[in-house]
Protein backbone atom coordinates (compact mmCIF):
# COMPACT_ATOMS: atom_id res chain seq x y z
CA MET A 1 25.13 7.76 -8.30
CA LYS A 2 25.11 4.03 -7.73
CA LYS A 3 22.25 2.07 -9.31
CA ILE A 4 19.47 1.07 -6.89
CA GLU A 5 17.86 -2.31 -7.40
CA TYR A 6 15.17 -4.03 -5.33
CA HIS A 7 14.08 -7.66 -5.34
CA PRO A 8 10.74 -8.91 -4.00
CA ILE A 9 10.67 -10.82 -0.73
CA GLY A 10 7.20 -12.17 -1.45
CA ILE A 11 3.92 -11.63 -3.22
CA ILE A 12 0.59 -10.23 -2.07
CA HIS A 13 -2.54 -12.26 -2.84
CA SER A 14 -5.69 -10.16 -2.57
CA PRO A 15 -9.28 -10.28 -3.84
CA PHE A 16 -8.61 -7.27 -6.11
CA LYS A 17 -7.68 -8.64 -9.53
CA LYS A 18 -7.35 -5.27 -11.31
CA PRO A 19 -6.86 -1.65 -10.26
CA GLN A 20 -10.42 -0.62 -11.13
CA GLY A 21 -12.63 -1.02 -8.08
CA THR A 22 -9.76 -1.39 -5.59
CA PRO A 23 -10.06 0.80 -2.47
CA ILE A 24 -7.62 3.71 -2.62
CA GLN A 25 -6.52 3.51 1.04
CA PRO A 26 -6.42 0.74 3.68
CA SER A 27 -8.93 2.68 5.81
CA ALA A 28 -11.47 2.15 3.01
CA ALA A 29 -10.73 -1.59 2.91
CA ALA A 30 -11.82 -2.42 6.47
CA GLY A 31 -12.25 -6.16 6.84
CA VAL A 32 -10.87 -7.07 3.39
CA GLU A 33 -8.70 -10.16 3.84
CA ALA A 34 -5.61 -11.19 1.92
CA THR A 35 -2.55 -13.35 2.26
CA VAL A 36 1.06 -12.36 1.86
CA GLU A 37 3.35 -15.14 0.70
CA ILE A 38 6.94 -14.72 1.87
CA PHE A 39 9.57 -16.44 -0.27
CA ALA A 40 11.37 -19.30 1.49
CA LYS A 41 14.75 -17.60 1.87
CA PHE A 42 13.11 -14.72 3.82
CA ILE A 43 10.82 -16.69 6.18
CA GLU A 44 13.32 -16.65 9.05
CA GLY A 45 12.98 -12.85 9.08
CA LEU A 46 9.34 -13.20 10.20
CA GLU A 47 10.42 -14.28 13.68
CA ASP A 48 8.75 -12.13 16.38
CA LEU A 49 6.50 -10.32 13.87
CA GLU A 50 3.41 -12.07 15.27
CA GLY A 51 3.72 -9.84 18.35
CA PHE A 52 2.50 -6.84 16.33
CA SER A 53 -1.15 -6.20 15.49
CA HIS A 54 -0.37 -3.98 12.48
CA ILE A 55 2.40 -3.94 9.90
CA PHE A 56 3.55 -1.82 7.00
CA LEU A 57 3.58 -3.59 3.65
CA ILE A 58 5.98 -1.90 1.26
CA TYR A 59 5.45 -2.99 -2.32
CA HIS A 60 6.03 -2.29 -5.99
CA CYS A 61 2.97 -0.90 -7.80
CA HIS A 62 3.54 -3.26 -10.72
CA LEU A 63 0.53 -2.14 -12.77
CA ALA A 64 1.20 1.61 -12.52
CA LYS A 65 1.62 3.48 -15.78
CA ASN A 66 4.30 6.07 -16.47
CA PHE A 67 4.22 8.99 -14.08
CA SER A 68 3.47 12.65 -14.62
CA LEU A 69 4.67 15.34 -12.22
CA ARG A 70 1.16 16.86 -12.18
CA VAL A 71 -1.80 14.55 -11.56
CA LYS A 72 -5.50 14.66 -10.84
CA PRO A 73 -5.78 12.47 -7.71
CA PHE A 74 -8.77 10.31 -6.85
CA LEU A 75 -10.03 12.70 -4.17
CA ASP A 76 -10.03 15.93 -6.18
CA ASP A 77 -10.94 17.29 -9.60
CA ASN A 78 -7.93 19.60 -9.71
CA GLN A 79 -4.36 18.77 -10.63
CA HIS A 80 -1.69 18.71 -7.94
CA GLY A 81 2.03 18.06 -7.83
CA LEU A 82 2.66 14.31 -7.82
CA PHE A 83 4.49 14.39 -4.49
CA ALA A 84 1.49 16.06 -2.82
CA THR A 85 -0.59 12.97 -3.71
CA ARG A 86 -0.59 9.24 -3.09
CA ALA A 87 -1.01 8.38 -6.77
CA PRO A 88 0.62 5.01 -7.58
CA SER A 89 2.27 6.22 -10.82
CA ARG A 90 5.53 7.67 -9.54
CA PRO A 91 9.21 7.81 -10.56
CA ASN A 92 9.68 4.78 -8.27
CA SER A 93 6.27 3.14 -8.02
CA ILE A 94 6.53 2.13 -4.39
CA GLY A 95 3.37 1.71 -2.34
CA ILE A 96 2.92 1.46 1.40
CA SER A 97 -0.10 0.20 3.35
CA VAL A 98 -0.73 -0.35 7.04
CA VAL A 99 -2.66 -3.60 7.50
CA ARG A 100 -3.83 -5.72 10.43
CA LEU A 101 -1.74 -8.84 10.93
CA MET A 102 -4.06 -11.71 11.84
CA GLU A 103 -1.83 -14.76 11.65
CA ILE A 104 1.50 -16.10 10.40
CA ARG A 105 1.71 -19.72 9.36
CA GLU A 106 4.50 -21.37 7.35
CA GLY A 107 5.60 -18.16 5.64
CA ILE A 108 2.06 -16.98 4.89
CA LEU A 109 0.75 -13.83 6.56
CA ARG A 110 -3.01 -13.48 6.83
CA VAL A 111 -3.88 -9.78 6.87
CA LYS A 112 -6.97 -7.55 6.88
CA ASP A 113 -7.77 -4.04 5.67
CA ILE A 114 -5.77 -4.37 2.46
CA ASP A 115 -5.98 -2.02 -0.52
CA VAL A 116 -3.43 -3.80 -2.73
CA ILE A 117 -3.92 -5.51 -6.09
CA ASP A 118 -3.47 -9.28 -6.39
CA GLN A 119 0.01 -10.49 -7.42
CA THR A 120 1.73 -7.31 -6.21
CA PRO A 121 5.44 -7.85 -5.48
CA LEU A 122 6.27 -7.29 -1.80
CA LEU A 123 9.51 -5.38 -1.16
CA ASP A 124 9.57 -5.18 2.64
CA ILE A 125 7.62 -5.46 5.89
CA LYS A 126 8.01 -3.26 8.95
CA PRO A 127 6.13 -3.36 12.24
CA TYR A 128 3.70 -0.52 12.88
CA VAL A 129 4.50 1.09 16.24
CA PRO A 130 2.15 3.94 17.23
CA GLU A 131 4.79 5.61 19.41
CA PHE A 132 7.05 5.83 16.36
CA ASP A 133 4.54 6.24 13.55
CA VAL A 134 1.66 8.42 14.79
CA ARG A 135 2.20 12.16 14.65
CA ALA A 136 0.01 15.11 15.53
CA VAL A 137 -0.48 17.07 12.32
CA GLU A 138 -1.33 20.72 11.88
CA LYS A 139 -2.28 20.67 8.21
CA THR A 140 -3.16 18.18 5.49
CA GLY A 141 -2.87 20.33 2.38
CA TRP A 142 -5.41 20.03 -0.40
CA ILE A 143 -6.76 16.77 1.14
CA GLU A 144 -8.24 18.64 4.10
CA ASN A 145 -12.03 18.21 4.04
CA ARG A 146 -11.68 15.54 1.32
CA SER A 147 -10.16 12.59 3.22
CA ALA A 148 -13.60 11.26 4.22
CA LYS A 149 -14.28 10.69 0.50
CA ALA A 150 -11.63 7.94 0.54
CA GLN A 151 -14.06 5.62 2.32
CA GLN A 152 -16.29 5.40 -0.78
CA THR A 153 -13.75 6.15 -3.53
CA VAL A 154 -12.27 3.28 -5.53
CA ASP A 155 -9.60 3.14 -8.20
CA ASN A 156 -11.01 3.98 -11.64
CA GLY A 157 -7.93 2.83 -13.53
CA ARG A 158 -6.51 6.24 -14.35
CA PHE A 159 -3.04 5.38 -13.01
CA SER A 160 -2.73 1.84 -14.40
CA GLU A 161 -1.65 0.47 -17.74
C-alpha cells in the first residue's frame, strides 16, 4: 500500500493549553471561542465558506499518546473497543469537531463551541450541511444513556502524553 502523508493547512488557537480540563465534545464547549489560522497558501480555498454557519474542523490530535485497541472512555468505567469510542489516541490520531463559524478575516476563522487544544494542527475544513450530515439513528451503543454526561465531563489526561 502506498504511504499516506498529511500536511497541516493551518493551526487552531484555543483557550485550552493542555488536554486536562478540555471539554470532550463540542456540545460541551458551548460559547468557547477560538481562532483558526489558515496558512497563506491555502487562504484562497476559504472563498464562499462564510456562507455556512457551521463547519467541520479535521485535525491531528498532536498530544495523543500511543493507542490501545481497548480503552476506558471518558463516559464509562468499562473498557470498549477503540473504534466504538471517540478517544483521541488512535492508529491515526485524527479528530473532528463541528464548530460555529462566526467570521473570516484575512485567513483567520473565528469560531465558537470548540473542544480542541491550543496549537493543534488543522488538516482540513468542510462545511456542515444538515441535509448531508444529520441522520436519524436507531441505536447509540454503549453511549446510550451516558451522552448527557459529556456536558460536564472534561479531559483528565488519560489519552495524552
